[in-house]
Amino acid sequence: MSTVGTRLSMSPFTARIRRETCEVWYHSITGRARRLSAAQADVVTRLLTAEDALEAAPARAVVEHLRTQGFLVADPKAERERAHRDYLTRRDQISDLFLTVAPTMACNLHCDYCFQAGSPALPRMSRTVQQAMVDLVGAWLDTPLESDQGRALVVQWFGGEPLLARETLLRCTAGMLARAEHAGVGYDAELLTNGLLLPTRGVRELLPRLHLSAVHISLDGNAASYAERKGVPPAQARRLYERLASCLPEILEVVGRIVLRVNVDRRNVEETGSLLEFLAARGAADRRVLVRLGQIGVSDGDCRAHDCLSGARFTSAEVALAALARTWGFGAQGLPEPLLWTCGATLRRHVTVGPDGVLGRCVPEIGAVGDGDTSQHRGTVRTITDTDSVDLVRRLRARGLGHECFDPYREPGCDNCPLIGTCLGACPRDRQSAWADPCPARQNLEERIVAFA
């Protein structure tokens, strides 16, 4: 396709991030990045503004390359409208079912930063709730749709510590697998755990029966920090780290992917390098083991207890960790990736199930509210046993359980941001009506883009 005679413009999703010696271009829908010298960036600017810029062959070649990479487009408005429609289509899809399930809110640790620390005590998921959830899965997958859409069942085991409810995991997995096979759809599951029980023989023998594709393990830097923050004796933490490191390769062969989430603040952020060295020395290094940071924060903004990292400092730590992880043979994050949706709270096909059978969309709200709650985010469906499964599916596919109307393309502060494709307005539950200017999320994304481009 020739660009001769065509006036091109910057894509609405192209962020131009200028630094002293370079300019990085990043397209937030495709995830492509291109690093230009400051001189090259100035030339491109002139090419886009000069009336005769496309007459010279070298100029045409530069512009054509940028066009084929998506950084330059002939119709920015049409591109944005198309991306917006695609987002709304994905947000409103109801053929798939994404379940986030907490079989128990009980935990065998006491992390001092846990957002569920003040949650009311809930019983473990009863047999009645378990069966109702399996019936819900079957009804959702069997309900006819007007359009012929592909289907999938995706389950994320959450808690509390889900491995404290092993019989529930096994029973529900068997039931949901049978319903998925009956409907002819794929099944995928992941497990979030604090890791304390993973080295035990019974749990390792359990994992193949859960049909997991990934296990997410939460750590806190070195064993000493783990002991302090999770409320266990130092000697127990050291033994856990040794046993966990030794069994990671075995777990990896069963599940295919492990995500190590290292929760950090100013006090332990420098420990990630020694943690990776410790794990690698015990044979746990593998590109399928993804190491990432979790930013410890507090809901009321008071960081005195944890000396929370600023956004810029956390981003710097992420960049440093990525380099260290690759050095030691682990997987790591790189360029920010485009998002398909904001979060599960915005999806009509995402349902959270608490151990008491209370339904919702937003994961942090699982188990966070006691009996009698009438929160608007829980809508009109109180529990999974309120009605028969077919009617429950109809009500869940309607709006009213979360932020299903959230549209970042129309949010103040996001509507004209070129990085919207890789941010999508962040958490709709936490965000204000508009981000401050400059947007902290955008600042942090720009730093990652410059580092990894």
Protein backbone atom coordinates (compact mmCIF):
# COMPACT_ATOMS: atom_id res chain seq x y z
CA MET A 1 0.00 0.00 0.00
CA SER A 2 1.59 3.25 -1.07
CA THR A 3 1.50 6.33 1.15
CA VAL A 4 2.01 8.73 -1.75
CA GLY A 5 -0.73 11.34 -1.66
CA THR A 6 -2.06 10.06 1.67
CA ARG A 7 -1.88 12.29 4.71
CA LEU A 8 -1.03 10.12 7.70
CA SER A 9 -1.46 10.98 11.36
CA MET A 10 -0.36 9.53 14.66
CA SER A 11 -2.48 6.61 15.76
CA PRO A 12 -4.59 7.54 18.81
CA PHE A 13 -2.87 4.57 20.51
CA THR A 14 0.70 5.68 19.76
CA ALA A 15 2.44 7.10 22.81
CA ARG A 16 5.56 9.14 22.01
CA ILE A 17 7.73 9.10 25.13
CA ARG A 18 10.57 11.58 24.88
CA ARG A 19 13.81 11.33 26.82
CA GLU A 20 17.02 13.33 26.49
CA THR A 21 18.69 11.06 23.92
CA CYS A 22 15.80 9.11 22.45
CA GLU A 23 12.09 8.90 21.82
CA VAL A 24 10.19 5.65 22.30
CA TRP A 25 7.02 4.96 20.35
CA TYR A 26 4.61 2.43 21.81
CA HIS A 27 1.29 1.24 20.38
CA SER A 28 -1.00 0.23 23.24
CA ILE A 29 -3.30 -1.98 21.12
CA THR A 30 -0.62 -4.02 19.34
CA GLY A 31 2.08 -3.81 22.05
CA ARG A 32 4.73 -2.85 19.49
CA ALA A 33 7.53 -0.49 20.49
CA ARG A 34 10.16 1.37 18.49
CA ARG A 35 13.09 3.33 19.89
CA LEU A 36 14.23 6.34 17.84
CA SER A 37 17.12 8.68 18.43
CA ALA A 38 16.14 12.25 19.22
CA ALA A 39 17.31 13.27 15.75
CA GLN A 40 15.24 10.54 14.07
CA ALA A 41 12.17 11.57 16.06
CA ASP A 42 12.59 15.17 14.91
CA VAL A 43 12.83 14.04 11.29
CA VAL A 44 9.63 12.04 11.61
CA THR A 45 7.86 15.05 13.12
CA ARG A 46 8.89 17.14 10.13
CA LEU A 47 7.79 14.39 7.75
CA LEU A 48 4.33 14.43 9.29
CA THR A 49 3.94 18.19 9.08
CA ALA A 50 5.68 19.13 5.80
CA GLU A 51 3.37 19.36 2.78
CA ASP A 52 5.86 17.74 0.40
CA ALA A 53 7.35 15.26 2.86
CA LEU A 54 6.14 12.20 0.98
CA GLU A 55 7.68 13.14 -2.36
CA ALA A 56 11.22 12.03 -1.44
CA ALA A 57 11.87 8.27 -1.55
CA PRO A 58 13.70 8.09 1.83
CA ALA A 59 10.83 9.92 3.50
CA ARG A 60 8.30 7.56 1.96
CA ALA A 61 10.24 4.56 3.23
CA VAL A 62 10.33 5.86 6.81
CA VAL A 63 6.65 6.74 6.85
CA GLU A 64 5.65 3.46 5.19
CA HIS A 65 7.51 1.48 7.85
CA LEU A 66 5.78 3.38 10.66
CA ARG A 67 2.44 2.89 8.94
CA THR A 68 2.89 -0.88 8.56
CA GLN A 69 3.74 -1.08 12.26
CA GLY A 70 0.52 0.75 13.11
CA PHE A 71 2.11 3.87 14.60
CA LEU A 72 0.75 6.04 11.78
CA VAL A 73 -2.75 5.75 10.32
CA ALA A 74 -4.85 7.49 7.73
CA ASP A 75 -7.98 7.70 9.88
CA PRO A 76 -7.30 7.99 13.65
CA LYS A 77 -10.98 8.40 14.48
CA ALA A 78 -11.96 5.18 12.70
CA GLU A 79 -9.16 3.26 14.43
CA ARG A 80 -10.28 4.42 17.85
CA GLU A 81 -13.92 3.63 17.14
CA ARG A 82 -12.96 0.13 15.99
CA ALA A 83 -10.91 -0.52 19.15
CA HIS A 84 -13.75 0.80 21.28
CA ARG A 85 -16.26 -1.54 19.62
CA ASP A 86 -13.90 -4.48 20.11
CA TYR A 87 -13.57 -3.66 23.81
CA LEU A 88 -17.34 -3.46 24.30
CA THR A 89 -17.83 -6.76 22.45
CA ARG A 90 -15.33 -8.53 24.71
CA ARG A 91 -16.75 -6.91 27.83
CA ASP A 92 -20.32 -7.95 27.04
CA GLN A 93 -19.64 -11.50 25.83
CA ILE A 94 -21.65 -14.06 27.79
CA SER A 95 -20.81 -17.39 26.15
CA ASP A 96 -17.72 -18.09 28.27
CA LEU A 97 -17.84 -18.47 32.04
CA PHE A 98 -15.02 -17.19 34.27
CA LEU A 99 -15.37 -18.35 37.88
CA THR A 100 -13.33 -17.07 40.81
CA VAL A 101 -14.07 -19.44 43.67
CA ALA A 102 -13.09 -19.20 47.33
CA PRO A 103 -13.84 -22.60 48.92
CA THR A 104 -12.76 -21.11 52.26
CA MET A 105 -11.68 -17.77 53.65
CA ALA A 106 -9.68 -19.52 56.36
CA CYS A 107 -5.91 -19.21 56.12
CA ASN A 108 -2.94 -20.92 57.76
CA LEU A 109 -0.96 -17.67 57.79
CA HIS A 110 -1.52 -14.14 59.07
CA CYS A 111 -0.05 -11.75 56.50
CA ASP A 112 0.04 -8.32 58.13
CA TYR A 113 -0.84 -6.58 54.84
CA CYS A 114 -3.73 -8.85 53.75
CA PHE A 115 -6.78 -6.90 52.56
CA GLN A 116 -9.00 -9.65 53.97
CA ALA A 117 -7.62 -9.38 57.50
CA GLY A 118 -10.75 -7.64 58.80
CA SER A 119 -13.23 -9.87 56.97
CA PRO A 120 -15.84 -11.73 59.01
CA ALA A 121 -15.31 -15.42 59.62
CA LEU A 122 -17.13 -17.57 57.08
CA PRO A 123 -17.74 -21.33 57.12
CA ARG A 124 -16.14 -23.51 54.50
CA MET A 125 -18.18 -24.08 51.38
CA SER A 126 -20.98 -26.54 52.12
CA ARG A 127 -21.94 -29.51 49.95
CA THR A 128 -25.12 -27.62 49.04
CA VAL A 129 -23.18 -24.62 47.72
CA GLN A 130 -20.71 -26.88 45.92
CA GLN A 131 -23.49 -28.71 44.09
CA ALA A 132 -25.24 -25.44 43.27
CA MET A 133 -22.02 -24.13 41.73
CA VAL A 134 -21.60 -27.25 39.59
CA ASP A 135 -25.25 -26.93 38.50
CA LEU A 136 -24.67 -23.26 37.66
CA VAL A 137 -21.74 -24.23 35.44
CA GLY A 138 -23.84 -26.81 33.63
CA ALA A 139 -26.76 -24.43 33.12
CA TRP A 140 -24.47 -21.65 31.88
CA LEU A 141 -22.75 -23.89 29.34
CA ASP A 142 -25.99 -25.52 28.21
CA THR A 143 -28.09 -22.36 27.86
CA PRO A 144 -28.68 -21.65 24.14
CA LEU A 145 -27.33 -18.38 22.76
CA GLU A 146 -28.64 -16.33 19.88
CA SER A 147 -25.22 -16.22 18.23
CA ASP A 148 -22.81 -19.08 17.65
CA GLN A 149 -19.97 -18.10 19.98
CA GLY A 150 -17.04 -20.14 21.17
CA ARG A 151 -17.20 -21.27 24.78
CA ALA A 152 -14.75 -21.85 27.60
CA LEU A 153 -14.85 -22.50 31.33
CA VAL A 154 -12.07 -20.81 33.31
CA VAL A 155 -11.75 -21.31 37.07
CA GLN A 156 -9.49 -19.50 39.53
CA TRP A 157 -9.22 -20.95 43.03
CA PHE A 158 -8.94 -18.15 45.56
CA GLY A 159 -9.08 -17.65 49.33
CA GLY A 160 -8.13 -17.58 52.16
CA GLU A 161 -5.92 -20.53 51.45
CA PRO A 162 -7.77 -22.82 49.01
CA LEU A 163 -5.53 -25.81 49.78
CA LEU A 164 -7.12 -25.95 53.24
CA ALA A 165 -10.28 -27.17 51.46
CA ARG A 166 -8.79 -29.95 49.36
CA GLU A 167 -11.86 -32.18 49.29
CA THR A 168 -13.92 -29.25 48.05
CA LEU A 169 -11.39 -28.55 45.30
CA LEU A 170 -11.48 -32.17 44.16
CA ARG A 171 -15.26 -32.53 44.31
CA CYS A 172 -15.98 -29.28 42.47
CA THR A 173 -13.27 -29.89 39.88
CA ALA A 174 -14.71 -33.31 39.02
CA GLY A 175 -18.22 -31.89 38.74
CA MET A 176 -17.26 -28.87 36.64
CA LEU A 177 -15.05 -30.95 34.37
CA ALA A 178 -17.93 -33.32 33.70
CA ARG A 179 -20.24 -30.41 32.84
CA ALA A 180 -17.61 -28.87 30.54
CA GLU A 181 -17.05 -32.17 28.74
CA HIS A 182 -20.80 -32.65 28.34
CA ALA A 183 -21.06 -29.20 26.73
CA GLY A 184 -17.96 -29.78 24.60
CA VAL A 185 -16.02 -26.82 25.96
CA GLY A 186 -12.47 -26.46 27.24
CA TYR A 187 -11.58 -26.28 30.94
CA ASP A 188 -8.78 -24.23 32.43
CA ALA A 189 -7.95 -23.64 36.10
CA GLU A 190 -5.40 -21.76 38.20
CA LEU A 191 -4.65 -21.79 41.91
CA LEU A 192 -3.59 -18.90 44.16
CA THR A 193 -1.73 -20.06 47.27
CA ASN A 194 0.62 -18.83 49.96
CA GLY A 195 2.78 -21.90 49.25
CA LEU A 196 2.90 -23.26 52.79
CA LEU A 197 1.27 -26.58 51.90
CA LEU A 198 2.76 -27.11 48.44
CA PRO A 199 5.81 -29.10 49.61
CA THR A 200 3.64 -31.69 51.41
CA ARG A 201 3.26 -35.02 49.67
CA GLY A 202 -0.52 -35.02 49.87
CA VAL A 203 -0.82 -31.68 48.06
CA ARG A 204 1.70 -32.61 45.36
CA GLU A 205 -0.28 -35.79 44.69
CA LEU A 206 -3.46 -33.69 44.59
CA LEU A 207 -2.31 -31.21 41.94
CA PRO A 208 -2.69 -33.46 38.84
CA ARG A 209 -6.31 -34.14 39.81
CA LEU A 210 -7.09 -30.41 39.84
CA HIS A 211 -6.22 -30.00 36.13
CA LEU A 212 -4.34 -26.75 36.76
CA SER A 213 -2.51 -24.78 34.09
CA ALA A 214 -0.80 -22.45 36.59
CA VAL A 215 -0.05 -22.00 40.28
CA HIS A 216 0.45 -18.52 41.74
CA ILE A 217 2.58 -18.44 44.90
CA SER A 218 2.88 -15.40 47.16
CA LEU A 219 6.28 -14.75 48.77
CA ASP A 220 7.82 -11.85 50.69
CA GLY A 221 11.48 -11.69 49.69
CA ASN A 222 13.82 -13.73 51.83
CA ALA A 223 12.78 -16.28 54.43
CA ALA A 224 13.27 -13.77 57.25
CA SER A 225 10.81 -11.33 55.70
CA TYR A 226 8.39 -14.17 55.00
CA ALA A 227 8.50 -15.17 58.67
CA GLU A 228 7.93 -11.61 59.87
CA ARG A 229 5.08 -10.79 57.52
CA LYS A 230 3.26 -14.08 57.59
CA GLY A 231 3.52 -14.69 61.30
CA VAL A 232 5.57 -17.90 61.34
CA PRO A 233 8.77 -18.77 63.25
CA PRO A 234 11.99 -17.99 61.30
CA ALA A 235 13.10 -21.62 61.39
CA GLN A 236 9.80 -22.73 59.86
CA ALA A 237 10.14 -20.11 57.13
CA ARG A 238 13.66 -21.28 56.29
CA ARG A 239 12.49 -24.90 56.06
CA LEU A 240 9.59 -23.87 53.86
CA TYR A 241 11.85 -21.99 51.45
CA GLU A 242 14.19 -24.97 51.17
CA ARG A 243 11.35 -27.43 50.59
CA LEU A 244 9.47 -25.12 48.24
CA ALA A 245 12.55 -24.52 46.11
CA SER A 246 13.21 -28.24 45.85
CA CYS A 247 9.66 -29.12 44.79
CA LEU A 248 9.08 -26.28 42.29
CA PRO A 249 10.44 -28.30 39.33
CA GLU A 250 8.07 -31.18 40.15
CA ILE A 251 5.10 -28.83 40.46
CA LEU A 252 6.07 -27.11 37.23
CA GLU A 253 5.95 -30.36 35.29
CA VAL A 254 2.39 -30.91 36.50
CA VAL A 255 0.91 -27.45 35.98
CA GLY A 256 3.08 -26.01 33.19
CA ARG A 257 3.49 -22.51 34.68
CA ILE A 258 4.31 -21.03 38.07
CA VAL A 259 3.98 -17.36 38.99
CA LEU A 260 6.03 -16.22 41.98
CA ARG A 261 4.57 -12.98 43.28
CA VAL A 262 6.99 -11.21 45.61
CA ASN A 263 5.12 -8.62 47.69
CA VAL A 264 7.38 -5.67 48.39
CA ASP A 265 7.66 -2.34 50.16
CA ARG A 266 10.76 -0.28 50.96
CA ARG A 267 11.94 -2.69 53.62
CA ASN A 268 12.27 -5.81 51.47
CA VAL A 269 12.40 -4.60 47.88
CA GLU A 270 16.15 -5.18 47.68
CA GLU A 271 15.80 -8.87 48.60
CA THR A 272 14.51 -10.08 45.23
CA GLY A 273 17.99 -10.62 43.81
CA SER A 274 19.11 -12.87 46.67
CA LEU A 275 15.78 -14.71 46.50
CA LEU A 276 16.30 -15.55 42.83
CA GLU A 277 19.87 -16.62 43.53
CA PHE A 278 18.64 -18.89 46.34
CA LEU A 279 16.00 -20.52 44.11
CA ALA A 280 18.35 -20.94 41.15
CA ALA A 281 21.00 -22.59 43.32
CA ARG A 282 18.43 -25.25 44.23
CA GLY A 283 17.46 -26.03 40.64
CA ALA A 284 14.24 -24.01 40.49
CA ALA A 285 15.27 -21.68 37.64
CA ASP A 286 13.07 -22.11 34.57
CA ARG A 287 11.63 -19.71 31.99
CA ARG A 288 8.20 -21.09 32.83
CA VAL A 289 8.58 -19.72 36.35
CA LEU A 290 7.49 -16.10 36.04
CA VAL A 291 8.72 -13.79 38.80
CA ARG A 292 6.78 -10.60 39.37
CA LEU A 293 6.43 -7.98 42.08
CA GLY A 294 3.33 -7.14 44.09
CA GLN A 295 3.07 -3.62 45.45
CA ILE A 296 2.05 -3.62 49.09
CA GLY A 297 -0.48 -0.87 49.62
CA VAL A 298 -3.14 0.13 52.09
CA SER A 299 -6.70 1.15 51.39
CA ASP A 300 -6.67 4.25 53.60
CA GLY A 301 -3.47 5.68 52.15
CA ASP A 302 -1.52 5.40 55.42
CA CYS A 303 1.77 3.72 54.48
CA ARG A 304 3.53 4.11 57.83
CA ALA A 305 3.09 0.45 58.75
CA HIS A 306 4.69 -0.79 55.53
CA ASP A 307 6.67 2.14 54.20
CA CYS A 308 4.95 1.64 50.85
CA LEU A 309 6.83 2.21 47.62
CA SER A 310 5.89 5.10 45.38
CA GLY A 311 4.69 4.21 41.91
CA ALA A 312 7.95 5.38 40.33
CA ARG A 313 10.08 3.42 42.81
CA PHE A 314 7.98 0.29 42.31
CA THR A 315 8.36 0.57 38.54
CA SER A 316 12.14 0.91 38.92
CA ALA A 317 12.11 -2.24 41.04
CA GLU A 318 10.11 -4.09 38.37
CA VAL A 319 12.65 -3.13 35.72
CA ALA A 320 15.56 -4.25 37.91
CA LEU A 321 13.82 -7.53 38.75
CA ALA A 322 13.24 -8.34 35.07
CA ALA A 323 16.96 -8.08 34.36
CA LEU A 324 17.85 -10.21 37.39
CA ALA A 325 15.23 -12.84 36.56
CA ARG A 326 16.57 -13.31 33.06
CA THR A 327 20.12 -13.50 34.40
CA TRP A 328 19.18 -16.35 36.72
CA GLY A 329 17.05 -18.15 34.11
CA PHE A 330 13.54 -17.22 35.22
CA GLY A 331 10.72 -15.68 33.23
CA ALA A 332 9.99 -11.99 33.76
CA GLN A 333 7.74 -9.21 32.63
CA GLY A 334 8.84 -6.92 29.83
CA LEU A 335 6.92 -4.37 27.83
CA PRO A 336 3.41 -3.71 29.12
CA GLU A 337 0.98 -5.95 27.27
CA PRO A 338 -2.32 -4.79 25.75
CA LEU A 339 -5.34 -5.75 27.85
CA LEU A 340 -8.46 -7.49 26.59
CA TRP A 341 -10.61 -6.20 29.45
CA THR A 342 -10.23 -4.07 32.54
CA CYS A 343 -10.84 -6.71 35.20
CA GLY A 344 -13.38 -9.38 36.04
CA ALA A 345 -15.66 -6.86 37.75
CA THR A 346 -16.55 -5.42 34.33
CA LEU A 347 -17.41 -8.75 32.66
CA ARG A 348 -20.90 -10.20 32.56
CA ARG A 349 -19.33 -13.65 32.15
CA HIS A 350 -17.26 -13.35 35.34
CA VAL A 351 -18.79 -14.59 38.59
CA THR A 352 -17.22 -14.78 42.04
CA VAL A 353 -18.44 -17.43 44.48
CA GLY A 354 -17.69 -17.08 48.18
CA PRO A 355 -17.66 -20.00 50.60
CA ASP A 356 -21.11 -18.89 51.80
CA GLY A 357 -22.45 -18.96 48.23
CA VAL A 358 -22.69 -15.17 47.93
CA LEU A 359 -22.19 -14.12 44.31
CA GLY A 360 -20.51 -11.08 42.84
CA ARG A 361 -18.07 -9.88 40.19
CA CYS A 362 -15.30 -8.12 42.12
CA VAL A 363 -12.62 -10.43 43.55
CA PRO A 364 -11.56 -8.27 46.56
CA GLU A 365 -15.18 -8.26 47.74
CA ILE A 366 -15.29 -12.04 48.23
CA GLY A 367 -16.02 -12.67 51.88
CA ALA A 368 -15.56 -8.99 52.72
CA VAL A 369 -19.15 -8.26 53.73
CA GLY A 370 -21.25 -10.09 56.29
CA ASP A 371 -24.90 -11.17 56.29
CA GLY A 372 -27.54 -8.63 55.38
CA ASP A 373 -25.36 -6.79 52.91
CA THR A 374 -27.21 -4.94 50.19
CA SER A 375 -24.16 -3.64 48.33
CA GLN A 376 -24.99 -2.49 44.82
CA HIS A 377 -22.07 -4.55 43.50
CA ARG A 378 -23.82 -7.74 44.60
CA GLY A 379 -27.04 -6.68 42.87
CA THR A 380 -30.24 -8.65 43.18
CA VAL A 381 -28.69 -12.15 43.28
CA ARG A 382 -27.84 -12.83 46.93
CA THR A 383 -26.59 -16.39 46.98
CA ILE A 384 -26.09 -19.26 44.59
CA THR A 385 -28.99 -21.13 46.20
CA ASP A 386 -31.53 -18.32 45.77
CA THR A 387 -33.15 -19.80 42.70
CA ASP A 388 -32.83 -22.62 40.17
CA SER A 389 -29.67 -22.64 38.08
CA VAL A 390 -31.33 -21.71 34.76
CA ASP A 391 -32.95 -18.59 36.22
CA LEU A 392 -29.70 -17.80 38.02
CA VAL A 393 -27.80 -17.84 34.73
CA ARG A 394 -30.32 -15.43 33.23
CA ARG A 395 -29.93 -13.03 36.13
CA LEU A 396 -26.13 -13.29 36.18
CA ARG A 397 -25.89 -12.57 32.48
CA ALA A 398 -27.85 -9.38 33.03
CA ARG A 399 -26.26 -6.30 34.55
CA GLY A 400 -26.20 -5.38 38.21
CA LEU A 401 -23.47 -7.39 39.98
CA GLY A 402 -20.50 -5.17 39.30
CA HIS A 403 -19.11 -2.58 36.93
CA GLU A 404 -20.47 -4.08 33.70
CA CYS A 405 -21.13 -0.59 32.31
CA PHE A 406 -17.59 0.62 32.95
CA ASP A 407 -16.20 2.04 29.71
CA PRO A 408 -12.66 3.47 29.90
CA TYR A 409 -13.02 4.93 26.42
CA ARG A 410 -15.52 7.39 27.89
CA GLU A 411 -13.83 7.98 31.25
CA PRO A 412 -12.51 11.52 31.89
CA GLY A 413 -8.74 11.45 31.77
CA CYS A 414 -8.69 8.18 29.80
CA ASP A 415 -10.71 9.11 26.75
CA ASN A 416 -7.75 10.69 24.92
CA CYS A 417 -4.88 8.76 26.50
CA PRO A 418 -2.75 6.84 23.95
CA LEU A 419 -1.96 4.18 26.57
CA ILE A 420 -5.60 3.23 27.10
CA GLY A 421 -5.12 -0.13 25.35
CA THR A 422 -2.62 -1.31 27.95
CA CYS A 423 -4.30 0.25 31.00
CA LEU A 424 -8.05 0.39 30.29
CA GLY A 425 -8.61 2.83 33.11
CA ALA A 426 -7.18 0.59 35.86
CA CYS A 427 -9.47 -0.62 38.67
CA PRO A 428 -13.02 0.74 38.25
CA ARG A 429 -13.68 0.01 41.93
CA ASP A 430 -10.85 2.20 43.21
CA ARG A 431 -10.56 4.92 40.63
CA GLN A 432 -12.01 8.38 41.08
CA SER A 433 -14.15 10.15 38.49
CA ALA A 434 -10.93 11.29 36.83
CA TRP A 435 -7.24 10.62 37.37
CA ALA A 436 -4.96 13.38 38.53
CA ASP A 437 -2.90 15.04 35.84
CA PRO A 438 -0.35 13.69 35.23
CA CYS A 439 -1.88 10.24 35.65
CA PRO A 440 0.31 8.06 37.93
CA ALA A 441 -0.62 4.92 36.00
CA ARG A 442 0.54 6.53 32.76
CA GLN A 443 3.80 7.69 34.33
CA ASN A 444 4.61 4.18 35.54
CA LEU A 445 3.71 2.58 32.22
CA GLU A 446 5.92 5.05 30.35
CA GLU A 447 8.90 4.15 32.53
CA ARG A 448 8.43 0.43 31.82
CA ILE A 449 8.06 1.08 28.11
CA VAL A 450 11.28 3.12 27.94
CA ALA A 451 13.16 0.48 29.93
CA PHE A 452 12.08 -2.50 27.82
CA ALA A 453 11.71 -1.02 24.33
